[in-house]
Amino acid sequence: QVQLVESGGGLVQAGGSLRLSCAASGTFFRINVMGWHRQAPGKQRELVATMTSSGTTNYADFVKGRFTISRDNAKKTVSLQMNSLEPEDTAVYYCNAYFTRVGADYWGQGTQVTVSS
């Protein structure tokens, strides 16, 4: 089993910044892909950014240039630096861990990000 615990959400004004962090624990060797997804009220969950264990990143178009994902394989953490936040970024942000070989997906409990205009 893998446990993911997010932190760092909160309320911020438009144009502000927040940093989300996620720590993984459990019995595993290496998480192939770690990332962040988000879900706004009334909308489907959507990918925000991911990073492989080798450092390859993937960003949704709507966050390119504003958000930066990073991870520390040794500490089993992934972070999301969010700058120039917009009210449209308001959502619950979920940390995700994916193990390619077994096709296993794990999710954190989510952290609320609210951007006021």
N, C-alpha and C. Protein backbone atom coordinates (compact mmCIF):
# COMPACT_ATOMS: atom_id res chain seq x y z
N GLN A 1 0.82 -1.20 0.00
CA GLN A 1 0.00 0.00 0.00
C GLN A 1 0.86 1.25 0.00
N VAL A 2 0.31 2.29 -0.58
CA VAL A 2 0.98 3.58 -0.65
C VAL A 2 0.06 4.64 -0.07
N GLN A 3 0.60 5.46 0.80
CA GLN A 3 -0.16 6.56 1.36
C GLN A 3 0.44 7.88 0.86
N LEU A 4 -0.44 8.79 0.48
CA LEU A 4 -0.03 10.10 0.00
C LEU A 4 -0.69 11.16 0.87
N VAL A 5 0.10 12.08 1.38
CA VAL A 5 -0.43 13.14 2.23
C VAL A 5 -0.02 14.49 1.65
N GLU A 6 -1.04 15.28 1.29
CA GLU A 6 -0.78 16.60 0.72
C GLU A 6 -0.81 17.68 1.80
N SER A 7 -0.15 18.78 1.49
CA SER A 7 -0.18 19.95 2.37
C SER A 7 0.07 21.19 1.52
N GLY A 8 -0.29 22.34 2.07
CA GLY A 8 0.05 23.59 1.41
C GLY A 8 -1.08 24.33 0.75
N GLY A 9 -2.28 23.76 0.73
CA GLY A 9 -3.39 24.48 0.13
C GLY A 9 -3.80 25.67 0.98
N GLY A 10 -4.75 26.44 0.46
CA GLY A 10 -5.22 27.59 1.22
C GLY A 10 -5.91 28.60 0.35
N LEU A 11 -6.09 29.79 0.92
CA LEU A 11 -6.76 30.90 0.24
C LEU A 11 -5.71 31.93 -0.15
N VAL A 12 -5.78 32.37 -1.39
CA VAL A 12 -4.83 33.36 -1.88
C VAL A 12 -5.54 34.28 -2.86
N GLN A 13 -5.07 35.50 -2.96
CA GLN A 13 -5.64 36.44 -3.93
C GLN A 13 -5.10 36.16 -5.32
N ALA A 14 -5.86 36.56 -6.32
CA ALA A 14 -5.41 36.41 -7.70
C ALA A 14 -4.05 37.09 -7.89
N GLY A 15 -3.19 36.39 -8.60
CA GLY A 15 -1.83 36.88 -8.79
C GLY A 15 -0.85 36.36 -7.77
N GLY A 16 -1.36 35.74 -6.73
CA GLY A 16 -0.51 35.24 -5.66
C GLY A 16 0.07 33.86 -5.97
N SER A 17 0.75 33.31 -4.97
CA SER A 17 1.43 32.03 -5.13
C SER A 17 1.12 31.10 -3.97
N LEU A 18 1.18 29.82 -4.25
CA LEU A 18 1.07 28.77 -3.24
C LEU A 18 1.99 27.64 -3.65
N ARG A 19 2.43 26.89 -2.65
CA ARG A 19 3.24 25.72 -2.91
C ARG A 19 2.58 24.52 -2.26
N LEU A 20 2.29 23.52 -3.06
CA LEU A 20 1.72 22.28 -2.56
C LEU A 20 2.83 21.23 -2.43
N SER A 21 2.70 20.43 -1.41
CA SER A 21 3.66 19.34 -1.21
C SER A 21 2.91 18.04 -0.95
N CYS A 22 3.54 16.96 -1.32
CA CYS A 22 2.95 15.63 -1.12
C CYS A 22 4.05 14.67 -0.70
N ALA A 23 3.80 13.95 0.37
CA ALA A 23 4.76 12.97 0.85
C ALA A 23 4.17 11.58 0.73
N ALA A 24 4.94 10.68 0.16
CA ALA A 24 4.51 9.30 -0.02
C ALA A 24 5.16 8.40 1.03
N SER A 25 4.40 7.44 1.49
CA SER A 25 4.93 6.45 2.42
C SER A 25 4.35 5.09 2.07
N GLY A 26 5.03 4.05 2.55
CA GLY A 26 4.58 2.70 2.26
C GLY A 26 5.73 1.83 1.80
N THR A 27 5.38 0.65 1.36
CA THR A 27 6.40 -0.31 0.94
C THR A 27 6.48 -0.32 -0.58
N PHE A 28 7.48 0.31 -1.11
CA PHE A 28 7.72 0.34 -2.55
C PHE A 28 9.14 0.77 -2.80
N PHE A 29 9.62 0.46 -4.00
CA PHE A 29 10.98 0.84 -4.34
C PHE A 29 11.02 2.24 -4.94
N ARG A 30 10.23 2.48 -5.97
CA ARG A 30 10.25 3.78 -6.64
C ARG A 30 8.91 4.02 -7.32
N ILE A 31 8.41 5.22 -7.18
CA ILE A 31 7.19 5.60 -7.86
C ILE A 31 7.54 6.08 -9.26
N ASN A 32 6.97 5.47 -10.28
CA ASN A 32 7.32 5.82 -11.65
C ASN A 32 6.88 7.24 -12.02
N VAL A 33 5.65 7.57 -11.71
CA VAL A 33 5.13 8.90 -12.04
C VAL A 33 4.44 9.48 -10.81
N MET A 34 4.80 10.68 -10.47
CA MET A 34 4.10 11.42 -9.41
C MET A 34 3.57 12.71 -10.03
N GLY A 35 2.44 13.12 -9.53
CA GLY A 35 1.89 14.33 -10.12
C GLY A 35 0.73 14.90 -9.36
N TRP A 36 0.13 15.90 -9.97
CA TRP A 36 -0.99 16.62 -9.39
C TRP A 36 -2.13 16.68 -10.39
N HIS A 37 -3.32 16.45 -9.87
CA HIS A 37 -4.55 16.63 -10.61
C HIS A 37 -5.42 17.57 -9.79
N ARG A 38 -6.45 18.10 -10.40
CA ARG A 38 -7.36 18.96 -9.66
C ARG A 38 -8.80 18.73 -10.11
N GLN A 39 -9.70 19.08 -9.20
CA GLN A 39 -11.12 18.96 -9.51
C GLN A 39 -11.85 20.16 -8.95
N ALA A 40 -12.45 20.92 -9.84
CA ALA A 40 -13.25 22.07 -9.45
C ALA A 40 -14.70 21.63 -9.28
N PRO A 41 -15.50 22.36 -8.52
CA PRO A 41 -16.90 21.99 -8.32
C PRO A 41 -17.64 21.84 -9.65
N GLY A 42 -18.32 20.72 -9.81
CA GLY A 42 -19.10 20.49 -11.01
C GLY A 42 -18.29 20.09 -12.23
N LYS A 43 -16.99 19.89 -12.06
CA LYS A 43 -16.14 19.53 -13.19
C LYS A 43 -15.43 18.21 -12.93
N GLN A 44 -14.94 17.61 -13.99
CA GLN A 44 -14.19 16.37 -13.85
C GLN A 44 -12.78 16.66 -13.37
N ARG A 45 -12.19 15.65 -12.76
CA ARG A 45 -10.80 15.78 -12.34
C ARG A 45 -9.93 15.87 -13.58
N GLU A 46 -8.93 16.76 -13.53
CA GLU A 46 -8.06 16.97 -14.67
C GLU A 46 -6.59 17.00 -14.26
N LEU A 47 -5.75 16.59 -15.18
CA LEU A 47 -4.32 16.58 -14.92
C LEU A 47 -3.79 18.01 -14.86
N VAL A 48 -2.90 18.25 -13.91
CA VAL A 48 -2.23 19.54 -13.80
C VAL A 48 -0.77 19.40 -14.26
N ALA A 49 -0.05 18.49 -13.61
CA ALA A 49 1.35 18.29 -13.96
C ALA A 49 1.82 16.95 -13.41
N THR A 50 2.74 16.32 -14.14
CA THR A 50 3.34 15.07 -13.67
C THR A 50 4.84 15.10 -13.92
N MET A 51 5.52 14.24 -13.18
CA MET A 51 6.95 14.09 -13.36
C MET A 51 7.33 12.62 -13.15
N THR A 52 8.12 12.09 -14.08
CA THR A 52 8.59 10.72 -13.93
C THR A 52 9.78 10.68 -12.98
N SER A 53 10.16 9.48 -12.60
CA SER A 53 11.29 9.33 -11.68
C SER A 53 12.61 9.79 -12.32
N SER A 54 12.65 9.85 -13.64
CA SER A 54 13.85 10.31 -14.34
C SER A 54 13.82 11.81 -14.63
N GLY A 55 12.71 12.46 -14.27
CA GLY A 55 12.66 13.91 -14.39
C GLY A 55 11.87 14.47 -15.56
N THR A 56 11.26 13.62 -16.35
CA THR A 56 10.45 14.10 -17.46
C THR A 56 9.14 14.69 -16.93
N THR A 57 8.83 15.89 -17.39
CA THR A 57 7.64 16.56 -16.91
C THR A 57 6.57 16.66 -17.99
N ASN A 58 5.34 16.81 -17.52
CA ASN A 58 4.21 17.01 -18.42
C ASN A 58 3.27 17.99 -17.74
N TYR A 59 2.91 19.04 -18.44
CA TYR A 59 2.04 20.06 -17.87
C TYR A 59 0.78 20.23 -18.72
N ALA A 60 -0.32 20.52 -18.05
CA ALA A 60 -1.51 20.92 -18.77
C ALA A 60 -1.25 22.29 -19.39
N ASP A 61 -1.87 22.53 -20.53
CA ASP A 61 -1.64 23.80 -21.22
C ASP A 61 -2.01 25.00 -20.35
N PHE A 62 -3.03 24.85 -19.53
CA PHE A 62 -3.52 25.99 -18.78
C PHE A 62 -2.60 26.40 -17.63
N VAL A 63 -1.55 25.62 -17.34
CA VAL A 63 -0.63 26.01 -16.26
C VAL A 63 0.79 26.25 -16.72
N LYS A 64 1.05 26.03 -17.99
CA LYS A 64 2.41 26.21 -18.50
C LYS A 64 2.88 27.64 -18.28
N GLY A 65 4.07 27.73 -17.72
CA GLY A 65 4.65 29.03 -17.45
C GLY A 65 4.26 29.59 -16.09
N ARG A 66 3.28 28.98 -15.43
CA ARG A 66 2.84 29.48 -14.12
C ARG A 66 3.16 28.49 -13.00
N PHE A 67 3.03 27.21 -13.27
CA PHE A 67 3.24 26.17 -12.27
C PHE A 67 4.52 25.40 -12.58
N THR A 68 5.18 24.96 -11.54
CA THR A 68 6.38 24.15 -11.70
C THR A 68 6.32 22.95 -10.76
N ILE A 69 6.48 21.77 -11.33
CA ILE A 69 6.48 20.55 -10.52
C ILE A 69 7.92 20.14 -10.24
N SER A 70 8.13 19.59 -9.06
CA SER A 70 9.44 19.06 -8.70
C SER A 70 9.24 17.84 -7.80
N ARG A 71 10.24 17.00 -7.74
CA ARG A 71 10.14 15.84 -6.86
C ARG A 71 11.51 15.47 -6.34
N ASP A 72 11.49 14.81 -5.21
CA ASP A 72 12.70 14.31 -4.58
C ASP A 72 12.51 12.81 -4.41
N ASN A 73 13.16 12.03 -5.24
CA ASN A 73 12.97 10.58 -5.20
C ASN A 73 13.44 9.99 -3.87
N ALA A 74 14.51 10.52 -3.34
CA ALA A 74 15.04 9.99 -2.07
C ALA A 74 14.06 10.25 -0.92
N LYS A 75 13.44 11.42 -0.92
CA LYS A 75 12.49 11.76 0.15
C LYS A 75 11.07 11.33 -0.18
N LYS A 76 10.85 10.85 -1.41
CA LYS A 76 9.53 10.38 -1.83
C LYS A 76 8.51 11.51 -1.74
N THR A 77 8.90 12.67 -2.23
CA THR A 77 8.00 13.82 -2.21
C THR A 77 7.86 14.41 -3.60
N VAL A 78 6.73 15.08 -3.80
CA VAL A 78 6.50 15.84 -5.02
C VAL A 78 5.87 17.17 -4.61
N SER A 79 6.28 18.22 -5.28
CA SER A 79 5.78 19.55 -4.95
C SER A 79 5.27 20.25 -6.20
N LEU A 80 4.42 21.23 -5.98
CA LEU A 80 3.88 22.02 -7.08
C LEU A 80 3.94 23.48 -6.67
N GLN A 81 4.80 24.24 -7.31
CA GLN A 81 4.88 25.67 -7.08
C GLN A 81 3.92 26.35 -8.04
N MET A 82 2.96 27.07 -7.48
CA MET A 82 1.93 27.70 -8.29
C MET A 82 2.06 29.22 -8.18
N ASN A 83 2.36 29.86 -9.28
CA ASN A 83 2.49 31.31 -9.34
C ASN A 83 1.41 31.90 -10.23
N SER A 84 1.22 33.20 -10.11
CA SER A 84 0.24 33.90 -10.94
C SER A 84 -1.11 33.19 -10.91
N LEU A 85 -1.55 32.85 -9.73
CA LEU A 85 -2.81 32.11 -9.59
C LEU A 85 -4.00 32.93 -10.05
N GLU A 86 -4.96 32.25 -10.62
CA GLU A 86 -6.18 32.86 -11.15
C GLU A 86 -7.38 32.24 -10.44
N PRO A 87 -8.50 32.96 -10.38
CA PRO A 87 -9.71 32.37 -9.76
C PRO A 87 -10.08 31.02 -10.39
N GLU A 88 -9.76 30.85 -11.66
CA GLU A 88 -10.07 29.59 -12.35
C GLU A 88 -9.24 28.42 -11.84
N ASP A 89 -8.21 28.71 -11.08
CA ASP A 89 -7.38 27.65 -10.50
C ASP A 89 -7.99 27.09 -9.21
N THR A 90 -9.07 27.68 -8.75
CA THR A 90 -9.73 27.20 -7.55
C THR A 90 -10.22 25.77 -7.75
N ALA A 91 -9.79 24.87 -6.87
CA ALA A 91 -10.13 23.45 -7.00
C ALA A 91 -9.54 22.71 -5.81
N VAL A 92 -9.93 21.45 -5.70
CA VAL A 92 -9.24 20.54 -4.80
C VAL A 92 -8.12 19.90 -5.60
N TYR A 93 -6.91 19.98 -5.07
CA TYR A 93 -5.74 19.44 -5.75
C TYR A 93 -5.36 18.11 -5.11
N TYR A 94 -5.17 17.11 -5.97
CA TYR A 94 -4.88 15.76 -5.52
C TYR A 94 -3.49 15.33 -5.97
N CYS A 95 -2.76 14.76 -5.06
CA CYS A 95 -1.48 14.15 -5.38
C CYS A 95 -1.74 12.74 -5.91
N ASN A 96 -0.95 12.34 -6.88
CA ASN A 96 -1.12 11.03 -7.51
C ASN A 96 0.21 10.32 -7.65
N ALA A 97 0.19 9.02 -7.43
CA ALA A 97 1.38 8.19 -7.63
C ALA A 97 0.99 7.02 -8.52
N TYR A 98 1.79 6.77 -9.53
CA TYR A 98 1.48 5.71 -10.49
C TYR A 98 2.68 4.79 -10.66
N PHE A 99 2.37 3.49 -10.54
CA PHE A 99 3.39 2.47 -10.72
C PHE A 99 3.17 1.80 -12.06
N THR A 100 4.05 2.05 -12.99
CA THR A 100 3.86 1.62 -14.38
C THR A 100 3.77 0.10 -14.51
N ARG A 101 4.66 -0.63 -13.87
CA ARG A 101 4.76 -2.08 -14.09
C ARG A 101 3.49 -2.80 -13.68
N VAL A 102 2.88 -2.37 -12.61
CA VAL A 102 1.67 -3.06 -12.13
C VAL A 102 0.40 -2.27 -12.45
N GLY A 103 0.55 -1.10 -13.04
CA GLY A 103 -0.62 -0.30 -13.39
C GLY A 103 -1.41 0.16 -12.19
N ALA A 104 -0.76 0.45 -11.11
CA ALA A 104 -1.44 0.84 -9.87
C ALA A 104 -1.40 2.35 -9.68
N ASP A 105 -2.56 2.88 -9.31
CA ASP A 105 -2.77 4.31 -9.11
C ASP A 105 -3.11 4.57 -7.65
N TYR A 106 -2.49 5.57 -7.04
CA TYR A 106 -2.83 5.95 -5.67
C TYR A 106 -3.08 7.45 -5.62
N TRP A 107 -4.00 7.83 -4.71
CA TRP A 107 -4.38 9.24 -4.61
C TRP A 107 -4.31 9.71 -3.16
N GLY A 108 -3.97 10.97 -3.01
CA GLY A 108 -4.05 11.59 -1.70
C GLY A 108 -5.48 12.02 -1.42
N GLN A 109 -5.68 12.61 -0.24
CA GLN A 109 -7.03 12.99 0.16
C GLN A 109 -7.46 14.32 -0.43
N GLY A 110 -6.51 15.06 -0.98
CA GLY A 110 -6.82 16.33 -1.61
C GLY A 110 -6.60 17.51 -0.68
N THR A 111 -6.23 18.63 -1.28
CA THR A 111 -6.06 19.87 -0.52
C THR A 111 -6.73 21.00 -1.30
N GLN A 112 -7.48 21.82 -0.59
CA GLN A 112 -8.27 22.88 -1.23
C GLN A 112 -7.38 24.08 -1.55
N VAL A 113 -7.51 24.55 -2.78
CA VAL A 113 -6.87 25.81 -3.20
C VAL A 113 -7.99 26.74 -3.64
N THR A 114 -8.06 27.90 -3.03
CA THR A 114 -9.07 28.89 -3.37
C THR A 114 -8.38 30.19 -3.74
N VAL A 115 -8.69 30.69 -4.93
CA VAL A 115 -8.10 31.93 -5.41
C VAL A 115 -9.21 32.97 -5.53
N SER A 116 -9.09 34.03 -4.78
CA SER A 116 -10.12 35.07 -4.80
C SER A 116 -9.75 36.15 -5.82
N SER A 117 -10.78 36.74 -6.39
CA SER A 117 -10.54 37.78 -7.41
C SER A 117 -10.46 39.17 -6.79
